[in-house]
Amino acid sequence: MPYLSPALNVMTTAARKAGRGLIRDFGELENLQVSLKGPADFVSSADQRTERILIQELSKARPGYCFLVEESGTIEGPDKSHRFIIDPLDGTTNFLHGVPHFAISLALEREGQLVSGVVYNPVTDEMYTAEKSHGAYLNDRRLRASARGALKEALIATGMPFHGREGHEKCLGELAQLMAATAGVRRFGSAALDLAYVAAGRFDGFWERGLSSWDMAAGMLLVREAGGAVTDLSGGSRVLETGDVLAANEKLHPQLLKLLRAKARG
């Protein structure tokens, strides 16, 4: 059975409650009010409603905690040692096009350290959870990163900036490099689920540049608690600061890092 600390239990309960609204909205996409926030960057009434539910539920159970949320930004509380990091709908473009691959992502920091994480796809009812030093789980099943050690057998996931945004050409170069060295590269459109899939051994690795903390905080903890490795793209620990991430099993991580660093140099 998965380990559920009191905080993690609060987080899974909040995710399930918010997920019910997403399922309802997903079934009524033609009625969904959508505004365009930027090129290929949508914010919908579903994002905003989900965010409100999550903040309300978590605040009720843990009054005083701080928040870092995609739509609302920073919400300060009197308890500066705890912070929830929230993406209410990771994979919004998938959601708005009727693709059932999106998730709620919740992480809890204590004294600057990630201690609890939840990634929940309400359509598939897949609840990924992790607690620092207590492992990672998919529903009731313990997760382990894959054991593959050969790049030519590895399936890797990525995300890339939309055309015209900074870093697009660099990403295309990295993509070509890894496609030539691996069994394949996938782009599914949800960094939170990509990281959860690395933790579950579905993907052998994942890299992306320019992410926000809420995209990857929960997923990073999942990968680490499943026995995988997570660094920034220089091999350091400043993932949340740089927004650049490489996650993989421990055998493949150094090989992927070498390829990506070689591409960056040349």
Protein backbone atom coordinates (compact mmCIF):
# COMPACT_ATOMS: atom_id res chain seq x y z
CA MET A 1 0.00 0.00 0.00
CA PRO A 2 1.24 3.54 -0.72
CA TYR A 3 2.58 5.56 2.17
CA LEU A 4 0.23 8.48 2.84
CA SER A 5 1.48 11.07 5.27
CA PRO A 6 -1.19 13.43 6.64
CA ALA A 7 -0.06 16.08 4.15
CA LEU A 8 -0.08 13.66 1.22
CA ASN A 9 -3.54 12.46 2.20
CA VAL A 10 -4.76 16.07 2.14
CA MET A 11 -3.20 16.56 -1.30
CA THR A 12 -4.72 13.44 -2.87
CA THR A 13 -8.14 14.34 -1.47
CA ALA A 14 -7.89 17.84 -2.94
CA ALA A 15 -6.73 16.48 -6.30
CA ARG A 16 -9.65 14.05 -6.52
CA LYS A 17 -12.17 16.76 -5.67
CA ALA A 18 -10.72 19.15 -8.24
CA GLY A 19 -10.44 16.32 -10.77
CA ARG A 20 -14.20 15.73 -10.71
CA GLY A 21 -14.73 19.24 -12.08
CA LEU A 22 -12.14 18.68 -14.82
CA ILE A 23 -13.88 15.49 -15.92
CA ARG A 24 -17.17 17.36 -16.11
CA ASP A 25 -15.62 20.16 -18.16
CA PHE A 26 -13.77 17.70 -20.38
CA GLY A 27 -17.13 16.18 -21.31
CA GLU A 28 -18.55 19.58 -22.24
CA LEU A 29 -15.71 21.18 -24.18
CA GLU A 30 -18.05 22.97 -26.56
CA ASN A 31 -19.39 25.01 -23.63
CA LEU A 32 -16.01 25.81 -22.09
CA GLN A 33 -15.13 29.50 -21.94
CA VAL A 34 -11.61 29.97 -23.26
CA SER A 35 -9.44 33.05 -23.54
CA LEU A 36 -6.15 33.30 -25.41
CA LYS A 37 -3.30 34.20 -23.03
CA GLY A 38 -0.55 34.08 -25.65
CA PRO A 39 0.56 32.15 -28.75
CA ALA A 40 -0.57 28.54 -28.24
CA ASP A 41 -0.86 29.24 -24.51
CA PHE A 42 -4.42 28.92 -23.34
CA VAL A 43 -6.06 29.57 -20.03
CA SER A 44 -9.57 28.28 -19.55
CA SER A 45 -12.31 28.54 -17.00
CA ALA A 46 -11.41 24.95 -16.11
CA ASP A 47 -7.89 26.00 -15.05
CA GLN A 48 -9.23 28.78 -12.90
CA ARG A 49 -11.96 26.70 -11.27
CA THR A 50 -9.56 23.85 -10.55
CA GLU A 51 -7.06 26.26 -9.03
CA ARG A 52 -9.71 27.75 -6.74
CA ILE A 53 -10.78 24.33 -5.50
CA LEU A 54 -7.20 23.23 -4.82
CA ILE A 55 -6.30 26.42 -2.95
CA GLN A 56 -9.51 26.27 -0.90
CA GLU A 57 -9.10 22.62 0.05
CA LEU A 58 -5.40 22.87 0.86
CA SER A 59 -5.80 26.12 2.78
CA LYS A 60 -8.61 24.64 4.84
CA ALA A 61 -6.50 21.63 5.80
CA ARG A 62 -3.18 23.49 6.13
CA PRO A 63 -3.95 27.11 7.06
CA GLY A 64 -1.04 29.48 6.81
CA TYR A 65 0.95 27.60 4.16
CA CYS A 66 2.32 29.58 1.22
CA PHE A 67 1.44 28.82 -2.42
CA LEU A 68 3.12 29.06 -5.80
CA VAL A 69 0.42 28.59 -8.43
CA GLU A 70 0.50 28.82 -12.22
CA GLU A 71 -2.37 31.26 -12.66
CA SER A 72 -2.27 33.20 -9.37
CA GLY A 73 1.48 33.31 -8.83
CA THR A 74 2.79 33.61 -5.27
CA ILE A 75 0.36 33.61 -2.36
CA GLU A 76 2.11 34.37 0.90
CA GLY A 77 1.08 32.86 4.21
CA PRO A 78 2.37 33.20 7.76
CA ASP A 79 4.04 29.77 7.65
CA LYS A 80 7.10 30.49 5.51
CA SER A 81 8.55 27.00 6.01
CA HIS A 82 5.84 25.30 3.93
CA ARG A 83 4.79 25.97 0.34
CA PHE A 84 2.43 24.19 -2.03
CA ILE A 85 3.48 24.32 -5.71
CA ILE A 86 0.45 23.84 -7.96
CA ASP A 87 -0.32 23.37 -11.63
CA PRO A 88 -4.10 23.00 -11.77
CA LEU A 89 -4.09 21.72 -15.34
CA ASP A 90 -0.84 20.59 -16.92
CA GLY A 91 -1.55 19.78 -20.55
CA THR A 92 -4.14 22.48 -21.16
CA THR A 93 -3.80 22.29 -24.94
CA ASN A 94 -4.45 18.54 -24.84
CA PHE A 95 -7.48 19.17 -22.64
CA LEU A 96 -8.93 21.81 -24.95
CA HIS A 97 -8.55 19.53 -27.97
CA GLY A 98 -10.23 16.57 -26.31
CA VAL A 99 -7.02 14.61 -25.77
CA PRO A 100 -7.28 12.74 -22.43
CA HIS A 101 -3.67 13.35 -21.42
CA PHE A 102 -3.49 16.06 -18.77
CA ALA A 103 -3.00 16.22 -15.04
CA ILE A 104 -3.23 18.10 -11.78
CA SER A 105 0.23 18.52 -10.27
CA LEU A 106 0.75 19.27 -6.56
CA ALA A 107 3.99 19.42 -4.61
CA LEU A 108 4.77 20.41 -1.04
CA GLU A 109 8.03 22.03 -0.02
CA ARG A 110 9.23 22.03 3.58
CA GLU A 111 12.16 24.33 4.35
CA GLY A 112 12.90 24.47 0.62
CA GLN A 113 12.94 20.68 0.17
CA LEU A 114 10.35 18.76 -1.86
CA VAL A 115 8.69 16.33 0.55
CA SER A 116 5.36 15.32 -1.04
CA GLY A 117 4.12 15.09 -4.62
CA VAL A 118 0.93 14.21 -6.48
CA VAL A 119 0.31 13.96 -10.22
CA TYR A 120 -3.28 12.99 -11.02
CA ASN A 121 -4.91 12.31 -14.39
CA PRO A 122 -8.63 12.35 -13.58
CA VAL A 123 -9.69 10.82 -16.91
CA THR A 124 -7.66 7.64 -16.39
CA ASP A 125 -7.90 7.86 -12.58
CA GLU A 126 -4.14 7.39 -12.33
CA MET A 127 -2.93 8.89 -9.07
CA TYR A 128 0.86 9.14 -8.81
CA THR A 129 2.11 9.90 -5.30
CA ALA A 130 5.51 10.28 -3.67
CA GLU A 131 6.74 11.06 -0.18
CA LYS A 132 10.38 11.83 0.52
CA SER A 133 12.18 8.67 1.71
CA HIS A 134 8.98 6.60 1.38
CA GLY A 135 8.90 5.76 -2.34
CA ALA A 136 6.63 6.53 -5.27
CA TYR A 137 3.35 4.86 -6.19
CA LEU A 138 0.76 4.65 -8.96
CA ASN A 139 -2.50 4.07 -7.13
CA ASP A 140 -1.57 1.00 -5.01
CA ARG A 141 1.50 -0.10 -6.99
CA ARG A 142 5.06 0.77 -6.02
CA LEU A 143 6.95 2.46 -8.84
CA ARG A 144 10.46 1.77 -10.08
CA ALA A 145 12.30 3.58 -12.84
CA SER A 146 13.21 1.36 -15.79
CA ALA A 147 16.34 -0.80 -15.77
CA ARG A 148 17.36 -0.26 -19.41
CA GLY A 149 20.98 0.67 -19.84
CA ALA A 150 21.39 0.91 -23.62
CA LEU A 151 20.43 4.14 -25.36
CA LYS A 152 19.46 2.29 -28.52
CA GLU A 153 16.71 0.52 -26.53
CA ALA A 154 15.51 3.61 -24.65
CA LEU A 155 12.26 5.49 -25.19
CA ILE A 156 12.67 9.14 -24.29
CA ALA A 157 10.12 11.92 -23.85
CA THR A 158 10.53 15.64 -24.36
CA GLY A 159 8.69 18.89 -24.64
CA MET A 160 9.61 21.80 -26.84
CA PRO A 161 8.76 25.48 -27.09
CA PHE A 162 6.23 26.48 -29.67
CA HIS A 163 7.56 27.80 -32.97
CA GLY A 164 8.81 31.34 -32.62
CA ARG A 165 9.57 31.10 -28.92
CA GLU A 166 13.10 31.22 -27.57
CA GLY A 167 14.92 27.89 -27.63
CA HIS A 168 12.94 26.31 -30.44
CA GLU A 169 15.93 25.76 -32.75
CA LYS A 170 18.10 24.45 -29.91
CA CYS A 171 15.41 21.93 -29.01
CA LEU A 172 15.13 20.74 -32.60
CA GLY A 173 18.89 20.11 -32.65
CA GLU A 174 18.71 18.12 -29.41
CA LEU A 175 15.73 16.21 -30.74
CA ALA A 176 17.63 15.16 -33.86
CA GLN A 177 20.60 14.08 -31.73
CA LEU A 178 18.54 11.90 -29.43
CA MET A 179 16.33 10.46 -32.15
CA ALA A 180 19.47 9.15 -33.83
CA ALA A 181 20.76 7.57 -30.61
CA THR A 182 17.62 6.05 -29.05
CA ALA A 183 14.68 3.81 -29.85
CA GLY A 184 12.43 6.84 -30.13
CA VAL A 185 11.37 10.21 -28.75
CA ARG A 186 7.82 11.13 -27.75
CA ARG A 187 6.20 14.52 -27.16
CA PHE A 188 2.96 14.09 -25.20
CA GLY A 189 2.34 17.66 -24.02
CA SER A 190 2.37 17.32 -20.24
CA ALA A 191 5.68 17.57 -18.39
CA ALA A 192 4.08 16.41 -15.13
CA LEU A 193 2.89 13.18 -16.75
CA ASP A 194 6.15 12.75 -18.67
CA LEU A 195 8.02 12.74 -15.35
CA ALA A 196 5.43 10.43 -13.79
CA TYR A 197 5.92 8.05 -16.71
CA VAL A 198 9.68 8.04 -16.11
CA ALA A 199 8.98 7.11 -12.49
CA ALA A 200 6.69 4.32 -13.70
CA GLY A 201 9.26 2.97 -16.18
CA ARG A 202 7.06 3.78 -19.17
CA PHE A 203 9.63 6.27 -20.41
CA ASP A 204 13.33 5.70 -19.83
CA GLY A 205 14.10 9.41 -19.73
CA PHE A 206 12.74 12.92 -20.23
CA TRP A 207 14.32 16.29 -20.90
CA GLU A 208 12.94 19.75 -21.47
CA ARG A 209 14.06 23.37 -21.26
CA GLY A 210 12.24 26.43 -19.98
CA LEU A 211 9.75 24.82 -17.64
CA SER A 212 8.22 26.44 -14.57
CA SER A 213 8.43 25.06 -11.05
CA TRP A 214 4.79 23.97 -11.06
CA ASP A 215 5.33 21.91 -14.23
CA MET A 216 7.90 19.61 -12.65
CA ALA A 217 8.13 19.86 -8.84
CA ALA A 218 5.85 16.90 -8.11
CA GLY A 219 7.22 14.86 -11.01
CA MET A 220 10.81 15.38 -9.88
CA LEU A 221 10.04 13.86 -6.50
CA LEU A 222 8.25 10.94 -8.17
CA VAL A 223 11.31 10.12 -10.27
CA ARG A 224 13.73 10.36 -7.37
CA GLU A 225 11.56 8.22 -5.11
CA ALA A 226 11.27 5.64 -7.90
CA GLY A 227 15.07 5.33 -8.00
CA GLY A 228 15.71 7.64 -10.93
CA ALA A 229 18.01 10.64 -11.28
CA VAL A 230 16.96 14.25 -11.86
CA THR A 231 19.30 17.15 -12.66
CA ASP A 232 19.38 20.31 -14.67
CA LEU A 233 20.96 20.09 -18.12
CA SER A 234 24.41 20.93 -16.79
CA GLY A 235 24.21 18.00 -14.39
CA GLY A 236 23.55 20.23 -11.37
CA SER A 237 20.77 20.49 -8.83
CA ARG A 238 19.30 23.86 -9.85
CA VAL A 239 16.36 22.39 -11.75
CA LEU A 240 13.64 24.62 -10.31
CA GLU A 241 15.83 27.71 -10.71
CA THR A 242 16.91 27.07 -14.31
CA GLY A 243 13.70 25.48 -15.58
CA ASP A 244 15.78 22.89 -17.45
CA VAL A 245 15.41 19.24 -16.49
CA LEU A 246 16.81 15.83 -17.35
CA ALA A 247 15.21 12.82 -15.64
CA ALA A 248 16.10 9.21 -16.34
CA ASN A 249 17.02 5.94 -14.72
CA GLU A 250 20.46 5.93 -13.14
CA LYS A 251 22.06 3.97 -16.00
CA LEU A 252 20.85 6.21 -18.79
CA HIS A 253 21.03 9.59 -17.10
CA PRO A 254 24.80 10.09 -17.55
CA GLN A 255 24.61 8.93 -21.17
CA LEU A 256 21.78 11.31 -21.99
CA LEU A 257 23.49 14.15 -20.17
CA LYS A 258 26.67 13.56 -22.18
CA LEU A 259 24.74 13.71 -25.46
CA LEU A 260 22.85 16.87 -24.51
CA ARG A 261 25.95 18.65 -23.22
CA ALA A 262 27.89 17.70 -26.35
CA LYS A 263 25.10 19.17 -28.47
CA ALA A 264 25.09 22.35 -26.38
CA ARG A 265 28.85 22.76 -26.87
CA GLY A 266 28.86 22.15 -30.55
